Amino acid sequence: MANSSSFNEFLLLAFADTRELQLLHFSLFLGIYLAALLGNGLIITAVACDHHLHTPMYFFLLNLSLLDLGSISTTVPKSMANSLWDTRAISYLGCAAQVFFLFFLCSAEFSLLTVMAYDRYVAICRPLHYGTIMDISACVKMAAAAWASGFLCALLHTANTFSIPLCQGNVVEQFFCEIPQILKLSCSDTYLREVGGSVATLSVVFGCFIFIVVSYVQIFTAVLRIPSEQGRHKAFSMCLPHLAVVSLFVSTGMFAYLKPLSLSSPALDLVVAVLYSVVPPAVNPLIYSMRNKELKEALKRLMQWVQGQRQ
């Protein structure tokens, strides 16, 4: 049996064995990665440069785009490089870094989505007090708390995971280093330390999930009381993108980490991992900009400014 101290690299799951399919995987992931970079980069630039978007909602959206850029950059480039160079290896430290940063960014994103739900609740249910409650100081503190909570959770789980002896080799059945897959390599009687940390984290995640659900119950109750159809439409257009992002993120993430072992298979694990780690960062900018007139107008002004600089 191999112990974690006896090897200095892990072997990741290969998407394909033939060269043609490896290049196809590289091209597909490259397209998704560039779309995520472009979409999130445009949102970050528009919110930072356009004073019309200097509001709490867009401040949190900027933070969400930063987290999405970070999370997809943690997994996809390495997978692309492995397919391009026909290798499966990732260093021990590189694997630990992937685990830490992915857990950090995903945990911070869920915390931020919870904060964004509270922002929408205050905007719709307590509009007269919105400016007082969601002032600059409060927004910065809430965003900082989201990032800090993600950092602490990642530190806890990364330290626990990589302090456990690994007795089942170094082959990770995933295209990036993921905690559930690494725990499969552990000695059967030593993984309980990570279970304790997981229970604590799941308690926080469940609390955040309940908070989001309760917030949206109150939001939709308030929206349905709005007399004008135009007012209801505007309120729904503010909330539905966030609700769609939360649903995609929570459903795929919870299935990846909480599914029964009887449902686990390499193919299913791979599909779920792509759905929660690759798809959301690429589609979130589309979801938020599809029906958002303010953001569309800001992006249009940004494009006009860029074209003016070229002339």
Protein backbone atom coordinates (compact mmCIF):
# COMPACT_ATOMS: atom_id res chain seq x y z
CA MET A 1 0.00 0.00 0.00
CA ALA A 2 1.20 3.49 -0.88
CA ASN A 3 1.26 6.16 1.77
CA SER A 4 0.77 9.84 0.92
CA SER A 5 4.37 10.51 1.87
CA SER A 6 5.67 7.96 -0.67
CA PHE A 7 4.61 9.84 -3.81
CA ASN A 8 4.86 13.43 -4.94
CA GLU A 9 2.11 13.55 -7.57
CA PHE A 10 -1.43 12.41 -8.32
CA LEU A 11 -2.82 11.02 -11.58
CA LEU A 12 -6.02 12.72 -12.72
CA LEU A 13 -8.82 11.20 -14.76
CA ALA A 14 -8.24 11.46 -18.51
CA PHE A 15 -11.23 12.55 -20.61
CA ALA A 16 -10.12 10.40 -23.55
CA ASP A 17 -7.46 7.92 -24.60
CA THR A 18 -7.17 8.77 -28.30
CA ARG A 19 -5.31 11.85 -29.46
CA GLU A 20 -8.24 13.14 -31.51
CA LEU A 21 -10.61 13.05 -28.54
CA GLN A 22 -7.98 14.67 -26.29
CA LEU A 23 -7.72 17.57 -28.75
CA LEU A 24 -11.52 17.75 -28.93
CA HIS A 25 -11.67 17.99 -25.13
CA PHE A 26 -8.98 20.69 -25.19
CA SER A 27 -10.90 22.69 -27.80
CA LEU A 28 -14.22 22.36 -25.97
CA PHE A 29 -12.78 23.41 -22.62
CA LEU A 30 -10.86 26.24 -24.30
CA GLY A 31 -14.10 27.59 -25.77
CA ILE A 32 -15.90 27.36 -22.41
CA TYR A 33 -12.96 28.95 -20.59
CA LEU A 34 -12.70 31.85 -23.04
CA ALA A 35 -16.47 32.41 -22.82
CA ALA A 36 -16.22 32.54 -19.02
CA LEU A 37 -13.26 34.94 -19.19
CA LEU A 38 -15.07 37.20 -21.66
CA GLY A 39 -18.45 37.19 -19.91
CA ASN A 40 -17.18 37.69 -16.38
CA GLY A 41 -14.48 40.11 -17.54
CA LEU A 42 -17.08 42.30 -19.27
CA ILE A 43 -19.27 42.35 -16.15
CA ILE A 44 -16.33 43.26 -13.90
CA THR A 45 -15.22 46.03 -16.27
CA ALA A 46 -18.73 47.41 -16.77
CA VAL A 47 -19.53 47.51 -13.04
CA ALA A 48 -16.14 49.00 -12.15
CA CYS A 49 -16.19 51.69 -14.85
CA ASP A 50 -19.87 52.70 -15.12
CA HIS A 51 -21.09 54.86 -12.24
CA HIS A 52 -24.70 53.89 -13.03
CA LEU A 53 -23.87 50.40 -11.74
CA HIS A 54 -22.29 51.52 -8.46
CA THR A 55 -25.09 49.99 -6.41
CA PRO A 56 -25.10 47.10 -3.89
CA MET A 57 -26.60 44.62 -6.35
CA TYR A 58 -23.88 45.20 -8.94
CA PHE A 59 -21.15 45.37 -6.31
CA PHE A 60 -22.10 41.84 -5.26
CA LEU A 61 -22.36 40.79 -8.92
CA LEU A 62 -18.79 42.02 -9.44
CA ASN A 63 -17.64 39.87 -6.54
CA LEU A 64 -19.54 36.89 -7.96
CA SER A 65 -17.80 37.33 -11.31
CA LEU A 66 -14.40 37.44 -9.59
CA LEU A 67 -15.21 34.19 -7.75
CA ASP A 68 -16.41 32.55 -10.97
CA LEU A 69 -13.22 33.54 -12.78
CA GLY A 70 -11.16 32.13 -9.95
CA SER A 71 -13.05 28.83 -9.70
CA ILE A 72 -12.96 28.00 -13.40
CA SER A 73 -9.29 29.02 -13.59
CA THR A 74 -8.51 26.55 -10.79
CA THR A 75 -9.65 23.46 -12.69
CA VAL A 76 -10.01 24.00 -16.44
CA PRO A 77 -6.51 25.21 -17.49
CA LYS A 78 -4.80 22.22 -15.85
CA SER A 79 -7.23 19.80 -17.48
CA MET A 80 -6.66 21.48 -20.85
CA ALA A 81 -2.88 21.30 -20.43
CA ASN A 82 -3.04 17.60 -19.53
CA SER A 83 -5.08 16.82 -22.66
CA LEU A 84 -2.83 18.93 -24.85
CA TRP A 85 0.39 17.34 -23.57
CA ASP A 86 -1.12 13.84 -23.17
CA THR A 87 -0.44 13.51 -19.45
CA ARG A 88 -2.46 12.90 -16.29
CA ALA A 89 -0.03 14.09 -13.63
CA ILE A 90 -0.50 16.89 -11.11
CA SER A 91 2.00 17.56 -8.34
CA TYR A 92 1.12 16.89 -4.71
CA LEU A 93 1.26 20.61 -3.93
CA GLY A 94 -0.66 21.41 -7.10
CA CYS A 95 -3.41 19.01 -6.03
CA ALA A 96 -3.55 20.56 -2.56
CA ALA A 97 -3.73 24.01 -4.16
CA GLN A 98 -6.63 22.91 -6.39
CA VAL A 99 -8.54 21.54 -3.40
CA PHE A 100 -7.92 24.69 -1.36
CA PHE A 101 -8.77 27.26 -4.02
CA LEU A 102 -11.79 25.42 -5.41
CA PHE A 103 -13.27 24.91 -1.94
CA PHE A 104 -12.40 28.50 -1.00
CA LEU A 105 -14.00 30.03 -4.10
CA CYS A 106 -17.09 27.77 -4.13
CA SER A 107 -17.72 28.28 -0.40
CA ALA A 108 -17.30 32.04 -0.74
CA GLU A 109 -19.64 32.00 -3.75
CA PHE A 110 -22.39 30.25 -1.81
CA SER A 111 -21.97 32.72 1.05
CA LEU A 112 -22.13 35.58 -1.45
CA LEU A 113 -25.28 34.16 -3.05
CA THR A 114 -26.81 34.17 0.44
CA VAL A 115 -25.85 37.83 0.86
CA MET A 116 -27.33 38.62 -2.57
CA ALA A 117 -30.60 36.99 -1.49
CA TYR A 118 -30.66 39.28 1.54
CA ASP A 119 -29.96 42.26 -0.74
CA ARG A 120 -32.93 41.34 -2.93
CA TYR A 121 -35.11 40.85 0.17
CA VAL A 122 -34.29 44.32 1.52
CA ALA A 123 -34.75 45.94 -1.92
CA ILE A 124 -38.24 44.47 -2.42
CA CYS A 125 -39.63 43.97 1.09
CA ARG A 126 -38.08 47.03 2.80
CA PRO A 127 -37.46 49.51 -0.04
CA LEU A 128 -37.74 52.63 2.16
CA HIS A 129 -34.88 51.42 4.36
CA TYR A 130 -32.74 50.00 1.54
CA GLY A 131 -30.28 52.90 1.39
CA THR A 132 -29.76 52.80 5.16
CA ILE A 133 -29.40 49.03 5.54
CA MET A 134 -27.34 48.38 2.39
CA ASP A 135 -24.90 51.28 2.64
CA ILE A 136 -21.32 51.07 1.37
CA SER A 137 -19.89 49.98 4.70
CA ALA A 138 -22.44 47.19 5.16
CA CYS A 139 -21.92 45.90 1.60
CA VAL A 140 -18.13 45.78 1.99
CA LYS A 141 -18.42 43.98 5.33
CA MET A 142 -20.84 41.39 3.95
CA ALA A 143 -18.68 40.73 0.90
CA ALA A 144 -15.56 40.47 3.08
CA ALA A 145 -17.38 38.04 5.39
CA ALA A 146 -18.29 35.86 2.40
CA TRP A 147 -14.67 35.73 1.20
CA ALA A 148 -13.36 35.13 4.75
CA SER A 149 -15.82 32.30 5.45
CA GLY A 150 -14.77 30.59 2.23
CA PHE A 151 -11.10 30.94 3.15
CA LEU A 152 -11.59 29.44 6.62
CA CYS A 153 -13.67 26.51 5.32
CA ALA A 154 -11.09 25.77 2.63
CA LEU A 155 -8.26 25.93 5.15
CA LEU A 156 -10.06 23.50 7.46
CA HIS A 157 -10.94 20.95 4.80
CA THR A 158 -7.64 21.10 2.92
CA ALA A 159 -5.66 20.61 6.11
CA ASN A 160 -7.90 17.71 7.20
CA THR A 161 -7.89 16.03 3.79
CA PHE A 162 -4.13 16.10 3.26
CA SER A 163 -3.31 15.09 6.83
CA ILE A 164 -5.10 11.77 6.30
CA PRO A 165 -2.84 8.86 5.24
CA LEU A 166 -3.58 7.70 1.70
CA CYS A 167 -3.36 3.92 1.37
CA GLN A 168 -5.11 3.31 -1.96
CA GLY A 169 -2.58 4.75 -4.42
CA ASN A 170 -2.52 8.13 -6.12
CA VAL A 171 -5.08 7.80 -8.96
CA VAL A 172 -7.83 10.44 -8.59
CA GLU A 173 -11.00 9.46 -10.48
CA GLN A 174 -11.77 13.05 -11.48
CA PHE A 175 -10.33 15.61 -13.91
CA PHE A 176 -9.28 17.81 -10.97
CA CYS A 177 -8.43 17.19 -7.33
CA GLU A 178 -11.71 16.90 -5.46
CA ILE A 179 -12.10 16.07 -1.77
CA PRO A 180 -14.54 13.14 -2.17
CA GLN A 181 -12.24 11.49 -4.71
CA ILE A 182 -9.14 11.98 -2.55
CA LEU A 183 -10.94 10.52 0.48
CA LYS A 184 -11.52 7.36 -1.56
CA LEU A 185 -7.73 6.92 -1.46
CA SER A 186 -7.58 7.18 2.34
CA CYS A 187 -7.23 4.40 4.86
CA SER A 188 -10.69 3.17 5.83
CA ASP A 189 -10.30 4.05 9.50
CA THR A 190 -8.79 7.54 9.18
CA TYR A 191 -11.31 9.58 7.19
CA LEU A 192 -13.55 10.34 10.19
CA ARG A 193 -11.60 13.53 10.93
CA GLU A 194 -12.81 14.95 7.65
CA VAL A 195 -16.36 13.80 8.37
CA GLY A 196 -16.46 16.05 11.46
CA GLY A 197 -15.43 19.07 9.42
CA SER A 198 -17.93 18.13 6.72
CA VAL A 199 -20.79 18.00 9.24
CA ALA A 200 -19.90 21.49 10.49
CA THR A 201 -19.69 22.85 6.94
CA LEU A 202 -22.94 21.18 5.90
CA SER A 203 -24.68 22.74 8.89
CA VAL A 204 -23.60 26.20 7.72
CA VAL A 205 -24.56 25.40 4.11
CA PHE A 206 -27.97 24.15 5.22
CA GLY A 207 -28.47 27.30 7.30
CA CYS A 208 -27.61 29.50 4.31
CA PHE A 209 -29.93 27.46 2.08
CA ILE A 210 -32.83 27.85 4.52
CA PHE A 211 -32.10 31.60 4.72
CA ILE A 212 -32.27 31.88 0.91
CA VAL A 213 -35.53 29.90 0.76
CA VAL A 214 -37.18 31.98 3.51
CA SER A 215 -35.98 35.20 1.85
CA TYR A 216 -37.53 34.23 -1.47
CA VAL A 217 -40.81 33.13 0.13
CA GLN A 218 -41.11 36.63 1.60
CA ILE A 219 -39.93 38.24 -1.65
CA PHE A 220 -42.51 36.45 -3.81
CA THR A 221 -45.22 37.16 -1.24
CA ALA A 222 -44.37 40.87 -1.44
CA VAL A 223 -44.12 40.83 -5.25
CA LEU A 224 -47.56 39.26 -5.67
CA ARG A 225 -49.00 42.15 -3.62
CA ILE A 226 -47.67 44.76 -6.06
CA PRO A 227 -50.75 46.14 -7.86
CA SER A 228 -49.18 47.00 -11.22
CA GLU A 229 -48.11 44.29 -13.67
CA GLN A 230 -45.09 46.38 -14.67
CA GLY A 231 -43.95 46.56 -11.05
CA ARG A 232 -44.30 42.80 -10.61
CA HIS A 233 -42.38 42.19 -13.84
CA LYS A 234 -39.55 44.47 -12.72
CA ALA A 235 -39.34 42.77 -9.33
CA PHE A 236 -39.30 39.30 -10.86
CA SER A 237 -36.61 40.33 -13.36
CA MET A 238 -34.44 41.42 -10.42
CA CYS A 239 -34.81 38.10 -8.59
CA LEU A 240 -35.11 35.35 -11.18
CA PRO A 241 -31.49 35.51 -12.45
CA HIS A 242 -30.19 35.16 -8.89
CA LEU A 243 -32.63 32.33 -8.18
CA ALA A 244 -31.53 30.52 -11.36
CA VAL A 245 -27.85 30.80 -10.38
CA VAL A 246 -28.56 29.58 -6.83
CA SER A 247 -30.59 26.62 -8.12
CA LEU A 248 -27.87 25.53 -10.56
CA PHE A 249 -25.07 25.95 -8.03
CA VAL A 250 -26.81 24.28 -5.09
CA SER A 251 -28.38 21.36 -6.98
CA THR A 252 -25.16 20.30 -8.74
CA GLY A 253 -22.90 20.96 -5.75
CA MET A 254 -25.09 19.08 -3.27
CA PHE A 255 -25.47 16.14 -5.64
CA ALA A 256 -21.69 15.98 -6.13
CA TYR A 257 -20.90 15.94 -2.41
CA LEU A 258 -23.99 14.26 -0.89
CA LYS A 259 -25.02 11.60 -3.42
CA PRO A 260 -25.14 8.00 -2.09
CA LEU A 261 -22.16 5.79 -2.86
CA SER A 262 -24.52 3.46 -4.74
CA LEU A 263 -25.04 6.20 -7.34
CA SER A 264 -21.34 6.89 -7.72
CA SER A 265 -19.71 5.98 -11.03
CA PRO A 266 -16.78 7.56 -12.92
CA ALA A 267 -19.01 8.77 -15.76
CA LEU A 268 -21.67 10.27 -13.44
CA ASP A 269 -19.04 11.86 -11.17
CA LEU A 270 -17.41 13.44 -14.22
CA VAL A 271 -20.67 14.89 -15.55
CA VAL A 272 -21.67 16.28 -12.14
CA ALA A 273 -18.20 17.81 -11.63
CA VAL A 274 -18.44 19.59 -14.99
CA LEU A 275 -21.93 20.82 -14.11
CA TYR A 276 -20.91 22.39 -10.78
CA SER A 277 -17.34 23.52 -11.51
CA VAL A 278 -17.30 24.46 -15.21
CA VAL A 279 -20.82 25.32 -16.35
CA PRO A 280 -21.88 27.95 -13.72
CA PRO A 281 -18.90 30.32 -14.24
CA ALA A 282 -19.56 30.23 -17.98
CA VAL A 283 -23.35 30.70 -17.92
CA ASN A 284 -23.72 33.06 -14.91
CA PRO A 285 -22.82 36.18 -16.96
CA LEU A 286 -25.42 35.17 -19.56
CA ILE A 287 -28.08 34.58 -16.92
CA TYR A 288 -27.50 37.95 -15.25
CA SER A 289 -27.27 39.99 -18.46
CA MET A 290 -30.06 38.33 -20.47
CA ARG A 291 -32.91 40.44 -19.07
CA ASN A 292 -30.95 43.19 -17.33
CA LYS A 293 -31.40 46.46 -19.22
CA GLU A 294 -29.02 48.43 -16.99
CA LEU A 295 -26.21 45.95 -17.54
CA LYS A 296 -26.89 45.75 -21.27
CA GLU A 297 -26.79 49.54 -21.56
CA ALA A 298 -23.56 49.69 -19.54
CA LEU A 299 -21.96 47.07 -21.80
CA LYS A 300 -23.14 49.01 -24.85
CA ARG A 301 -21.56 52.21 -23.49
CA LEU A 302 -18.38 50.26 -22.77
CA MET A 303 -18.25 48.93 -26.35
CA GLN A 304 -18.86 52.42 -27.74
CA TRP A 305 -16.06 53.78 -25.59
CA VAL A 306 -13.68 51.06 -26.79
CA GLN A 307 -14.58 51.75 -30.40
CA GLY A 308 -14.07 55.48 -29.83
CA GLN A 309 -10.59 54.84 -28.42
CA ARG A 310 -9.64 52.89 -31.53
CA GLN A 311 -10.69 55.68 -33.91
